C-alpha atoms as a PDB file:
ATOM      1  CA  MET A   1      73.150 -66.633  67.403  1.00  0.00           C
ATOM      2  CA  GLY A   2      74.889 -65.484  70.701  1.00  0.00           C
ATOM      3  CA  THR A   3      73.278 -64.174  74.095  1.00  0.00           C
ATOM      4  CA  LEU A   4      74.693 -61.017  75.403  1.00  0.00           C
ATOM      5  CA  ASN A   5      74.167 -59.626  79.428  1.00  0.00           C
ATOM      6  CA  VAL A   6      74.787 -56.486  79.762  1.00  0.00           C
ATOM      7  CA  ARG A   7      74.322 -53.977  83.200  1.00  0.00           C
ATOM      8  CA  THR A   8      72.562 -50.938  82.696  1.00  0.00           C
ATOM      9  CA  ASP A   9      72.752 -47.984  85.044  1.00  0.00           C
ATOM     10  CA  ASP A  10      69.809 -45.602  85.318  1.00  0.00           C
ATOM     11  CA  ALA A  11      70.579 -43.515  81.998  1.00  0.00           C
ATOM     12  CA  MET A  12      71.202 -46.750  80.397  1.00  0.00           C
ATOM     13  CA  GLU A  13      67.393 -47.751  80.988  1.00  0.00           C
ATOM     14  CA  LYS A  14      66.099 -44.384  80.262  1.00  0.00           C
ATOM     15  CA  ALA A  15      67.609 -44.632  76.872  1.00  0.00           C
ATOM     16  CA  LEU A  16      66.407 -48.417  76.315  1.00  0.00           C
ATOM     17  CA  ALA A  17      62.616 -47.196  77.344  1.00  0.00           C
ATOM     18  CA  GLU A  18      62.571 -44.177  75.281  1.00  0.00           C
ATOM     19  CA  LEU A  19      63.933 -46.441  72.194  1.00  0.00           C
ATOM     20  CA  THR A  20      61.465 -49.116  72.936  1.00  0.00           C
ATOM     21  CA  ALA A  21      58.884 -46.742  73.034  1.00  0.00           C
ATOM     22  CA  ALA A  22      59.812 -44.758  69.859  1.00  0.00           C
ATOM     23  CA  ARG A  23      60.574 -47.716  67.750  1.00  0.00           C
ATOM     24  CA  HIS A  24      57.314 -49.874  69.206  1.00  0.00           C
ATOM     25  CA  THR A  25      60.292 -52.913  69.853  1.00  0.00           C
ATOM     26  CA  SER A  26      61.792 -54.930  72.435  1.00  0.00           C
ATOM     27  CA  ARG A  27      64.762 -54.199  74.831  1.00  0.00           C
ATOM     28  CA  SER A  28      66.714 -56.495  73.105  1.00  0.00           C
ATOM     29  CA  GLU A  29      65.857 -55.018  69.260  1.00  0.00           C
ATOM     30  CA  ALA A  30      66.861 -51.704  71.030  1.00  0.00           C
ATOM     31  CA  VAL A  31      70.472 -52.902  72.040  1.00  0.00           C
ATOM     32  CA  ARG A  32      70.960 -54.546  68.297  1.00  0.00           C
ATOM     33  CA  TYR A  33      69.521 -51.392  66.370  1.00  0.00           C
ATOM     34  CA  ALA A  34      72.204 -48.835  68.870  1.00  0.00           C
ATOM     35  CA  LEU A  35      74.847 -51.771  68.671  1.00  0.00           C
ATOM     36  CA  LEU A  36      74.486 -51.356  64.522  1.00  0.00           C
ATOM     37  CA  GLN A  37      74.028 -48.072  63.855  1.00  0.00           C
ATOM     38  CA  THR A  38      77.063 -47.220  66.585  1.00  0.00           C
ATOM     39  CA  TYR A  39      79.443 -49.386  64.396  1.00  0.00           C
ATOM     40  CA  LYS A  40      77.582 -47.743  61.311  1.00  0.00           C
ATOM     41  CA  GLN A  41      78.931 -44.621  62.415  1.00  0.00           C
ATOM     42  CA  LEU A  42      82.489 -46.100  63.339  1.00  0.00           C
ATOM     43  CA  LEU A  43      82.744 -47.480  59.415  1.00  0.00           C
ATOM     44  CA  LEU A  44      81.739 -43.915  57.919  1.00  0.00           C
ATOM     45  CA  GLN A  45      84.402 -42.068  60.156  1.00  0.00           C
ATOM     46  CA  GLN A  46      86.957 -44.200  59.130  1.00  0.00           C
ATOM     47  CA  ALA A  47      85.902 -43.974  55.256  1.00  0.00           C
ATOM     48  CA  ASP A  48      85.905 -40.311  55.958  1.00  0.00           C
ATOM     49  CA  ALA A  49      89.379 -40.173  57.462  1.00  0.00           C
ATOM     50  CA  ASP A  50      90.617 -42.375  54.423  1.00  0.00           C
ATOM     51  CA  ALA A  51      88.732 -40.255  51.595  1.00  0.00           C
ATOM     52  CA  GLN A  52      91.064 -37.305  53.643  1.00  0.00           C
ATOM     53  CA  ARG A  53      93.789 -39.172  53.843  1.00  0.00           C
ATOM     54  CA  LEU A  54      93.758 -40.003  50.227  1.00  0.00           C
ATOM     55  CA  ALA A  55      92.842 -36.749  49.089  1.00  0.00           C
ATOM     56  CA  ASP A  56      95.859 -35.319  50.668  1.00  0.00           C
ATOM     57  CA  ASP A  57      97.935 -37.580  49.263  1.00  0.00           C
ATOM     58  CA  PRO A  58      99.236 -36.488  45.971  1.00  0.00           C
ATOM     59  CA  GLU A  59     100.995 -39.530  44.278  1.00  0.00           C
ATOM     60  CA  ASP A  60      97.243 -40.719  45.017  1.00  0.00           C
ATOM     61  CA  GLN A  61      95.913 -37.934  43.110  1.00  0.00           C
ATOM     62  CA  ALA A  62      98.058 -38.363  40.415  1.00  0.00           C
ATOM     63  CA  GLU A  63      97.078 -42.012  39.754  1.00  0.00           C
ATOM     64  CA  MET A  64      93.181 -41.460  39.956  1.00  0.00           C
ATOM     65  CA  LEU A  65      93.575 -38.613  37.667  1.00  0.00           C
ATOM     66  CA  ALA A  66      95.526 -41.253  35.343  1.00  0.00           C
ATOM     67  CA  ILE A  67      92.507 -43.740  35.950  1.00  0.00           C
ATOM     68  CA  GLN A  68      89.753 -41.043  34.942  1.00  0.00           C
ATOM     69  CA  ARG A  69      91.932 -40.121  31.652  1.00  0.00           C
ATOM     70  CA  PHE A  70      92.331 -44.093  30.971  1.00  0.00           C
ATOM     71  CA  MET A  71      88.343 -44.282  31.442  1.00  0.00           C
ATOM     72  CA  GLY A  72      87.652 -41.167  29.541  1.00  0.00           C
ATOM     73  CA  VAL A  73      86.002 -39.070  32.281  1.00  0.00           C
ATOM     74  CA  ALA A  74      88.647 -36.319  32.413  1.00  0.00           C
END
């Protein structure tokens, strides 16, 4: 496991204090939680963008319909 040093400002200190109090956890745990939540949000945004791109692609729509018909669900 690696180590990360982070410089904090007043806003970060306030956020860390709130997260540690709300979750009854350490500063390290609060930072890990915030980082993973941010990463999860990024992945969901990317998945949403991919879904929108595919929904707007007529060739992909046709392929999805063909697969559904092959599987007997359309």
